[in-house]
Amino acid sequence: MQYIYAVLPWVLIFGVFWFFLIRPQRKQQKEHDDMLDNLKVGDKIVTIGGLKAKIVKIKEDNIRLRVSSNVDVDVVQKAIARLDKSEEVEEEEVEKENKE
């Protein structure tokens, strides 16, 4: 019986860590993996180095990005941090202003 009282705080600590740290990190990683799996030609992205580009070609794990006119860069798929939503947000703001 005394062993249960000794182990119970450790179980509670692990439960708190799981709920507040491990579970959200796994969810975020899954969302990122899903985003990488759903990339398509024409998507605008941001790399982990901060490079903004447009996807020109996808071949297995390698992705060709167009940084500027006639400037293409090949990167591995895992080097993509996120989709670039800045232009979509700007377009939505312009549409809202036009409606007003």
C-alpha atoms as a PDB file:
ATOM      1  CA  MET A   1       0.000   0.000   0.000  1.00  0.00           C
ATOM      2  CA  GLN A   2       2.855   2.366   0.778  1.00  0.00           C
ATOM      3  CA  TYR A   3       4.294   1.759  -2.681  1.00  0.00           C
ATOM      4  CA  ILE A   4       1.145   3.139  -4.296  1.00  0.00           C
ATOM      5  CA  TYR A   5       1.583   6.403  -2.410  1.00  0.00           C
ATOM      6  CA  ALA A   6       5.209   6.561  -3.517  1.00  0.00           C
ATOM      7  CA  VAL A   7       4.410   5.948  -7.196  1.00  0.00           C
ATOM      8  CA  LEU A   8       1.256   8.062  -7.441  1.00  0.00           C
ATOM      9  CA  PRO A   9       3.030  11.467  -7.603  1.00  0.00           C
ATOM     10  CA  TRP A  10       5.269  10.209 -10.428  1.00  0.00           C
ATOM     11  CA  VAL A  11       2.252   8.970 -12.366  1.00  0.00           C
ATOM     12  CA  LEU A  12       0.551  12.338 -11.900  1.00  0.00           C
ATOM     13  CA  ILE A  13       3.674  14.220 -13.041  1.00  0.00           C
ATOM     14  CA  PHE A  14       3.947  12.030 -16.139  1.00  0.00           C
ATOM     15  CA  GLY A  15       0.253  12.579 -16.857  1.00  0.00           C
ATOM     16  CA  VAL A  16       0.642  16.353 -16.665  1.00  0.00           C
ATOM     17  CA  PHE A  17       3.710  16.273 -18.923  1.00  0.00           C
ATOM     18  CA  TRP A  18       1.869  14.063 -21.399  1.00  0.00           C
ATOM     19  CA  PHE A  19      -1.200  16.281 -21.491  1.00  0.00           C
ATOM     20  CA  PHE A  20       0.566  19.661 -21.704  1.00  0.00           C
ATOM     21  CA  LEU A  21       3.813  18.881 -23.570  1.00  0.00           C
ATOM     22  CA  ILE A  22       3.977  15.583 -25.415  1.00  0.00           C
ATOM     23  CA  ARG A  23       0.444  15.413 -26.847  1.00  0.00           C
ATOM     24  CA  PRO A  24       0.402  18.940 -28.371  1.00  0.00           C
ATOM     25  CA  GLN A  25       3.869  18.399 -29.872  1.00  0.00           C
ATOM     26  CA  ARG A  26       2.739  15.160 -31.529  1.00  0.00           C
ATOM     27  CA  LYS A  27      -0.362  16.889 -32.892  1.00  0.00           C
ATOM     28  CA  GLN A  28       1.733  19.726 -34.336  1.00  0.00           C
ATOM     29  CA  GLN A  29       4.162  17.235 -35.919  1.00  0.00           C
ATOM     30  CA  LYS A  30       1.276  15.299 -37.475  1.00  0.00           C
ATOM     31  CA  GLU A  31      -0.195  18.506 -38.953  1.00  0.00           C
ATOM     32  CA  HIS A  32       3.218  19.408 -40.424  1.00  0.00           C
ATOM     33  CA  ASP A  33       3.631  15.930 -41.932  1.00  0.00           C
ATOM     34  CA  ASP A  34       0.137  16.146 -43.447  1.00  0.00           C
ATOM     35  CA  MET A  35       0.989  19.546 -44.929  1.00  0.00           C
ATOM     36  CA  LEU A  36       4.162  18.115 -46.499  1.00  0.00           C
ATOM     37  CA  ASP A  37       2.229  15.172 -47.933  1.00  0.00           C
ATOM     38  CA  ASN A  38      -0.346  17.495 -49.528  1.00  0.00           C
ATOM     39  CA  LEU A  39       2.069  19.880 -51.251  1.00  0.00           C
ATOM     40  CA  LYS A  40       1.397  20.468 -54.941  1.00  0.00           C
ATOM     41  CA  VAL A  41       2.916  22.396 -57.814  1.00  0.00           C
ATOM     42  CA  GLY A  42       2.016  26.077 -57.573  1.00  0.00           C
ATOM     43  CA  ASP A  43       1.918  26.259 -53.761  1.00  0.00           C
ATOM     44  CA  LYS A  44       3.798  29.168 -52.215  1.00  0.00           C
ATOM     45  CA  ILE A  45       5.921  28.081 -49.273  1.00  0.00           C
ATOM     46  CA  VAL A  46       8.493  29.258 -46.734  1.00  0.00           C
ATOM     47  CA  THR A  47      11.554  27.102 -46.057  1.00  0.00           C
ATOM     48  CA  ILE A  48      13.150  26.560 -42.657  1.00  0.00           C
ATOM     49  CA  GLY A  49      15.805  29.062 -43.740  1.00  0.00           C
ATOM     50  CA  GLY A  50      13.182  31.743 -44.387  1.00  0.00           C
ATOM     51  CA  LEU A  51      13.284  31.536 -48.184  1.00  0.00           C
ATOM     52  CA  LYS A  52       9.922  32.313 -49.812  1.00  0.00           C
ATOM     53  CA  ALA A  53       9.323  30.469 -53.070  1.00  0.00           C
ATOM     54  CA  LYS A  54       6.812  28.775 -55.350  1.00  0.00           C
ATOM     55  CA  ILE A  55       6.855  25.021 -55.979  1.00  0.00           C
ATOM     56  CA  VAL A  56       7.699  24.252 -59.602  1.00  0.00           C
ATOM     57  CA  LYS A  57       8.327  20.505 -59.533  1.00  0.00           C
ATOM     58  CA  ILE A  58       7.915  17.673 -57.034  1.00  0.00           C
ATOM     59  CA  LYS A  59       9.905  14.471 -57.409  1.00  0.00           C
ATOM     60  CA  GLU A  60       9.749  12.049 -54.466  1.00  0.00           C
ATOM     61  CA  ASP A  61      11.647  13.754 -51.601  1.00  0.00           C
ATOM     62  CA  ASN A  62      13.132  16.548 -53.740  1.00  0.00           C
ATOM     63  CA  ILE A  63      11.240  19.725 -54.525  1.00  0.00           C
ATOM     64  CA  ARG A  64      12.241  22.405 -57.026  1.00  0.00           C
ATOM     65  CA  LEU A  65      11.381  25.921 -55.916  1.00  0.00           C
ATOM     66  CA  ARG A  66      11.273  29.070 -58.022  1.00  0.00           C
ATOM     67  CA  VAL A  67      12.714  31.882 -55.961  1.00  0.00           C
ATOM     68  CA  SER A  68      12.740  34.497 -58.709  1.00  0.00           C
ATOM     69  CA  SER A  69      12.351  34.489 -62.469  1.00  0.00           C
ATOM     70  CA  ASN A  70      14.853  31.983 -63.885  1.00  0.00           C
ATOM     71  CA  VAL A  71      16.181  31.154 -60.402  1.00  0.00           C
ATOM     72  CA  ASP A  72      15.293  27.638 -59.240  1.00  0.00           C
ATOM     73  CA  VAL A  73      16.483  25.915 -56.088  1.00  0.00           C
ATOM     74  CA  ASP A  74      16.230  22.207 -55.216  1.00  0.00           C
ATOM     75  CA  VAL A  75      15.469  21.346 -51.586  1.00  0.00           C
ATOM     76  CA  VAL A  76      14.440  18.236 -49.699  1.00  0.00           C
ATOM     77  CA  GLN A  77      10.819  18.057 -48.639  1.00  0.00           C
ATOM     78  CA  LYS A  78      11.601  18.315 -44.916  1.00  0.00           C
ATOM     79  CA  ALA A  79      13.185  21.756 -45.503  1.00  0.00           C
ATOM     80  CA  ILE A  80       9.735  23.285 -45.993  1.00  0.00           C
ATOM     81  CA  ALA A  81       8.497  24.944 -42.838  1.00  0.00           C
ATOM     82  CA  ARG A  82       5.029  26.119 -43.852  1.00  0.00           C
ATOM     83  CA  LEU A  83       2.759  27.312 -46.593  1.00  0.00           C
ATOM     84  CA  ASP A  84       2.986  31.043 -47.267  1.00  0.00           C
ATOM     85  CA  LYS A  85      -0.423  32.449 -46.372  1.00  0.00           C
ATOM     86  CA  SER A  86       0.607  36.123 -46.413  1.00  0.00           C
ATOM     87  CA  GLU A  87      -0.736  36.804 -49.918  1.00  0.00           C
ATOM     88  CA  GLU A  88      -4.076  35.140 -49.154  1.00  0.00           C
ATOM     89  CA  VAL A  89      -4.448  37.253 -46.017  1.00  0.00           C
ATOM     90  CA  GLU A  90      -3.643  40.433 -47.980  1.00  0.00           C
ATOM     91  CA  GLU A  91      -6.230  39.525 -50.646  1.00  0.00           C
ATOM     92  CA  GLU A  92      -8.889  38.923 -47.980  1.00  0.00           C
ATOM     93  CA  GLU A  93      -8.141  42.305 -46.376  1.00  0.00           C
ATOM     94  CA  VAL A  94      -8.436  44.060 -49.744  1.00  0.00           C
ATOM     95  CA  GLU A  95     -11.781  42.318 -50.400  1.00  0.00           C
ATOM     96  CA  LYS A  96     -13.074  43.406 -46.975  1.00  0.00           C
ATOM     97  CA  GLU A  97     -12.042  47.014 -47.643  1.00  0.00           C
ATOM     98  CA  ASN A  98     -13.739  46.960 -51.044  1.00  0.00           C
ATOM     99  CA  LYS A  99     -16.986  45.715 -49.508  1.00  0.00           C
ATOM    100  CA  GLU A 100     -17.031  48.584 -47.009  1.00  0.00           C
END
